[in-house]
């Protein structure tokens, strides 16, 4: 049975893969497609980490996941600006 958390993970993967496909198969620059897909996936990540977390609020993995996602977000945005 597919649970809510599984659907969120699939949505994140689908948005990121869709951005890669748009960048690879169309005239949209890969950096632009990557930035848009990461920004589009961010609400799903926020929902998974803070709105409906699968782990208790005190779980340290939750904080690590949030830091890693934001590091990826900042990296993608910085590479797009350069």
N, C-alpha and C. Protein backbone atom coordinates (compact mmCIF):
# COMPACT_ATOMS: atom_id res chain seq x y z
N UNK A 1 0.84 -1.18 0.00
CA UNK A 1 0.00 0.00 0.00
C UNK A 1 0.88 1.24 0.00
N UNK A 2 0.60 2.17 -0.86
CA UNK A 2 1.37 3.40 -0.95
C UNK A 2 0.84 4.38 0.09
N UNK A 3 1.74 4.84 0.94
CA UNK A 3 1.35 5.78 2.00
C UNK A 3 1.63 7.21 1.56
N UNK A 4 1.19 8.15 2.36
CA UNK A 4 1.35 9.57 2.06
C UNK A 4 2.82 9.93 1.88
N UNK A 5 3.68 9.44 2.75
CA UNK A 5 5.11 9.76 2.66
C UNK A 5 5.72 9.25 1.36
N UNK A 6 5.29 8.10 0.92
CA UNK A 6 5.76 7.56 -0.35
C UNK A 6 5.35 8.44 -1.52
N UNK A 7 4.13 8.95 -1.46
CA UNK A 7 3.64 9.84 -2.52
C UNK A 7 4.46 11.13 -2.57
N UNK A 8 4.80 11.67 -1.40
CA UNK A 8 5.61 12.89 -1.35
C UNK A 8 6.99 12.63 -1.94
N UNK A 9 7.61 11.51 -1.58
CA UNK A 9 8.92 11.17 -2.13
C UNK A 9 8.85 10.99 -3.64
N UNK A 10 7.82 10.36 -4.12
CA UNK A 10 7.64 10.19 -5.56
C UNK A 10 7.43 11.54 -6.26
N UNK A 11 6.70 12.44 -5.61
CA UNK A 11 6.48 13.77 -6.19
C UNK A 11 7.79 14.54 -6.29
N UNK A 12 8.62 14.47 -5.25
CA UNK A 12 9.92 15.14 -5.28
C UNK A 12 10.76 14.59 -6.42
N UNK A 13 10.83 13.27 -6.52
CA UNK A 13 11.62 12.65 -7.58
C UNK A 13 11.07 12.98 -8.96
N UNK A 14 9.76 13.00 -9.11
CA UNK A 14 9.15 13.30 -10.41
C UNK A 14 9.42 14.74 -10.83
N UNK A 15 9.34 15.67 -9.90
CA UNK A 15 9.61 17.07 -10.24
C UNK A 15 11.06 17.26 -10.64
N UNK A 16 11.98 16.66 -9.89
CA UNK A 16 13.40 16.80 -10.21
C UNK A 16 13.73 16.11 -11.54
N UNK A 17 13.18 14.93 -11.78
CA UNK A 17 13.40 14.24 -13.04
C UNK A 17 12.77 15.00 -14.21
N UNK A 18 11.60 15.58 -13.97
CA UNK A 18 10.96 16.38 -15.01
C UNK A 18 11.79 17.59 -15.39
N UNK A 19 12.40 18.23 -14.41
CA UNK A 19 13.27 19.35 -14.71
C UNK A 19 14.48 18.93 -15.52
N UNK A 20 15.04 17.78 -15.18
CA UNK A 20 16.18 17.27 -15.94
C UNK A 20 15.76 16.96 -17.38
N UNK A 21 14.60 16.34 -17.54
CA UNK A 21 14.13 16.02 -18.89
C UNK A 21 13.86 17.28 -19.71
N UNK A 22 13.28 18.27 -19.10
CA UNK A 22 13.04 19.53 -19.81
C UNK A 22 14.36 20.14 -20.26
N UNK A 23 15.35 20.14 -19.38
CA UNK A 23 16.65 20.70 -19.74
C UNK A 23 17.36 19.88 -20.80
N UNK A 24 17.17 18.57 -20.80
CA UNK A 24 17.88 17.70 -21.74
C UNK A 24 17.19 17.63 -23.10
N UNK A 25 15.87 17.74 -23.13
CA UNK A 25 15.13 17.50 -24.37
C UNK A 25 14.56 18.74 -25.04
N UNK A 26 14.67 19.89 -24.42
CA UNK A 26 14.12 21.10 -25.02
C UNK A 26 15.21 22.17 -25.13
N UNK A 27 14.81 23.32 -25.59
CA UNK A 27 15.75 24.43 -25.74
C UNK A 27 15.97 25.19 -24.43
N UNK A 28 15.28 24.80 -23.40
CA UNK A 28 15.45 25.44 -22.09
C UNK A 28 16.84 25.08 -21.56
N UNK A 29 17.63 26.07 -21.15
CA UNK A 29 18.96 25.76 -20.61
C UNK A 29 18.86 24.86 -19.37
N UNK A 30 19.81 23.95 -19.24
CA UNK A 30 19.79 22.99 -18.13
C UNK A 30 19.80 23.70 -16.78
N UNK A 31 20.55 24.78 -16.65
CA UNK A 31 20.59 25.51 -15.37
C UNK A 31 19.21 26.05 -15.01
N UNK A 32 18.51 26.59 -15.99
CA UNK A 32 17.18 27.13 -15.73
C UNK A 32 16.22 26.00 -15.34
N UNK A 33 16.27 24.91 -16.07
CA UNK A 33 15.39 23.77 -15.74
C UNK A 33 15.70 23.23 -14.36
N UNK A 34 16.98 23.18 -14.00
CA UNK A 34 17.38 22.67 -12.68
C UNK A 34 16.88 23.59 -11.58
N UNK A 35 17.04 24.90 -11.76
CA UNK A 35 16.59 25.86 -10.74
C UNK A 35 15.08 25.78 -10.56
N UNK A 36 14.35 25.75 -11.65
CA UNK A 36 12.89 25.70 -11.57
C UNK A 36 12.43 24.40 -10.91
N UNK A 37 13.07 23.28 -11.26
CA UNK A 37 12.64 22.01 -10.67
C UNK A 37 12.95 21.94 -9.18
N UNK A 38 14.10 22.47 -8.76
CA UNK A 38 14.42 22.47 -7.33
C UNK A 38 13.46 23.38 -6.57
N UNK A 39 13.16 24.54 -7.13
CA UNK A 39 12.21 25.43 -6.47
C UNK A 39 10.81 24.81 -6.43
N UNK A 40 10.43 24.09 -7.49
CA UNK A 40 9.11 23.44 -7.51
C UNK A 40 9.05 22.27 -6.53
N UNK A 41 10.17 21.60 -6.27
CA UNK A 41 10.18 20.47 -5.35
C UNK A 41 10.24 20.92 -3.89
N UNK A 42 10.66 22.16 -3.64
CA UNK A 42 10.83 22.64 -2.28
C UNK A 42 9.55 22.56 -1.44
N UNK A 43 8.37 22.90 -1.95
CA UNK A 43 7.16 22.74 -1.11
C UNK A 43 6.91 21.29 -0.69
N UNK A 44 7.24 20.34 -1.57
CA UNK A 44 7.08 18.93 -1.20
C UNK A 44 8.06 18.55 -0.10
N UNK A 45 9.29 19.05 -0.19
CA UNK A 45 10.28 18.79 0.85
C UNK A 45 9.82 19.42 2.17
N UNK A 46 9.33 20.65 2.10
CA UNK A 46 8.85 21.33 3.31
C UNK A 46 7.71 20.53 3.94
N UNK A 47 6.81 20.04 3.11
CA UNK A 47 5.69 19.25 3.62
C UNK A 47 6.19 17.97 4.30
N UNK A 48 7.16 17.33 3.67
CA UNK A 48 7.67 16.07 4.23
C UNK A 48 8.47 16.29 5.51
N UNK A 49 9.16 17.42 5.62
CA UNK A 49 10.00 17.65 6.79
C UNK A 49 9.29 18.32 7.95
N UNK A 50 8.38 19.24 7.66
CA UNK A 50 7.81 20.06 8.72
C UNK A 50 6.31 19.93 8.90
N UNK A 51 5.57 19.78 7.84
CA UNK A 51 4.11 19.73 7.98
C UNK A 51 3.63 18.35 8.40
N UNK A 52 4.13 17.31 7.74
CA UNK A 52 3.74 15.93 8.05
C UNK A 52 4.98 15.05 8.13
N UNK A 53 5.84 15.28 9.10
CA UNK A 53 7.09 14.49 9.15
C UNK A 53 6.83 13.05 9.57
N UNK A 54 7.58 12.12 8.95
CA UNK A 54 7.43 10.72 9.35
C UNK A 54 8.17 10.41 10.65
N UNK A 55 9.08 11.31 11.05
CA UNK A 55 9.86 11.12 12.26
C UNK A 55 9.39 12.09 13.34
N UNK A 56 9.64 11.78 14.61
CA UNK A 56 9.30 12.73 15.68
C UNK A 56 10.08 14.05 15.51
N UNK A 57 9.53 15.11 16.05
CA UNK A 57 10.15 16.43 15.89
C UNK A 57 11.55 16.50 16.48
N UNK A 58 11.85 15.71 17.47
CA UNK A 58 13.16 15.76 18.12
C UNK A 58 14.20 14.90 17.38
N UNK A 59 13.82 14.20 16.35
CA UNK A 59 14.73 13.33 15.61
C UNK A 59 15.80 14.15 14.89
N UNK A 60 17.09 13.87 15.12
CA UNK A 60 18.16 14.67 14.50
C UNK A 60 18.24 14.50 12.98
N UNK A 61 17.74 13.39 12.44
CA UNK A 61 17.77 13.19 10.99
C UNK A 61 16.93 14.24 10.27
N UNK A 62 15.91 14.72 10.93
CA UNK A 62 15.03 15.73 10.33
C UNK A 62 15.79 17.03 10.11
N UNK A 63 16.57 17.44 11.09
CA UNK A 63 17.35 18.67 10.96
C UNK A 63 18.44 18.50 9.89
N UNK A 64 19.06 17.35 9.87
CA UNK A 64 20.10 17.09 8.86
C UNK A 64 19.49 17.12 7.46
N UNK A 65 18.33 16.54 7.30
CA UNK A 65 17.67 16.55 5.99
C UNK A 65 17.34 17.96 5.55
N UNK A 66 16.87 18.78 6.47
CA UNK A 66 16.56 20.17 6.14
C UNK A 66 17.81 20.93 5.74
N UNK A 67 18.90 20.73 6.45
CA UNK A 67 20.16 21.42 6.13
C UNK A 67 20.67 20.98 4.77
N UNK A 68 20.63 19.68 4.49
CA UNK A 68 21.12 19.16 3.20
C UNK A 68 20.27 19.72 2.06
N UNK A 69 18.95 19.72 2.20
CA UNK A 69 18.09 20.24 1.13
C UNK A 69 18.38 21.71 0.88
N UNK A 70 18.53 22.49 1.92
CA UNK A 70 18.79 23.91 1.73
C UNK A 70 20.19 24.15 1.15
N UNK A 71 21.14 23.30 1.48
CA UNK A 71 22.47 23.41 0.87
C UNK A 71 22.38 23.13 -0.63
N UNK A 72 21.60 22.14 -1.01
CA UNK A 72 21.40 21.85 -2.44
C UNK A 72 20.71 23.02 -3.12
N UNK A 73 19.70 23.57 -2.47
CA UNK A 73 18.97 24.71 -3.03
C UNK A 73 19.89 25.90 -3.25
N UNK A 74 20.70 26.23 -2.28
CA UNK A 74 21.63 27.35 -2.40
C UNK A 74 22.66 27.06 -3.49
N UNK A 75 23.18 25.83 -3.55
CA UNK A 75 24.16 25.48 -4.57
C UNK A 75 23.58 25.64 -5.98
N UNK A 76 22.36 25.16 -6.18
CA UNK A 76 21.73 25.26 -7.50
C UNK A 76 21.51 26.72 -7.87
N UNK A 77 21.06 27.51 -6.93
CA UNK A 77 20.84 28.93 -7.21
C UNK A 77 22.15 29.67 -7.50
N UNK A 78 23.19 29.36 -6.75
CA UNK A 78 24.48 30.02 -6.99
C UNK A 78 25.08 29.62 -8.33
N UNK A 79 24.98 28.36 -8.69
CA UNK A 79 25.53 27.95 -9.98
C UNK A 79 24.75 28.55 -11.14
N UNK A 80 23.47 28.83 -10.92
CA UNK A 80 22.67 29.45 -11.98
C UNK A 80 23.04 30.91 -12.16
N UNK A 81 23.50 31.54 -11.11
CA UNK A 81 23.86 32.96 -11.20
C UNK A 81 25.23 33.19 -11.82
N UNK A 82 26.07 32.18 -11.76
CA UNK A 82 27.44 32.35 -12.27
C UNK A 82 27.50 32.11 -13.74
